[in-house]
Amino acid sequence: MSAAKQKAQQIIDDNAVVVFSKSYCPYCRATKSLLNEKHAKYFLLELDEVDDGAAIQDALEEITGQRSVPNIFIGHKHIGGNSDLQSKKGQLDGLLQSAGAV
């Protein structure tokens, strides 16, 4: 397993909610905004601000089949991107509570 894949998996395993993001991405901003609105505690990794961001993005594609950001995990489960998160708005409180993120 590559170092980047190991790092990505470790972050997913260690945190109830994880958002792999890029600081300039409008969809990422919408995701962070929604999670902040819900007062969710989440781990944020801005892939464009870390040295191994490209490698981690490649690793996430291997893990999830999704290359785009945001790449969101709640309760160690892959949720998908911003549109997937927005479509779960009604269930989001429950998902965050069961993950222990509020």
Foldseek 3Di string as FASTA:
>chain_A
DDPLLVVLLVQLVVWQKEWAAAPPDPLSVLVVVLCVVLVFAYHYHHLVPDPCSVVNLVSVCVVPVDNDPGFMDHRSHTQGHSVSVVVCSVCVNVSRVVSVGD
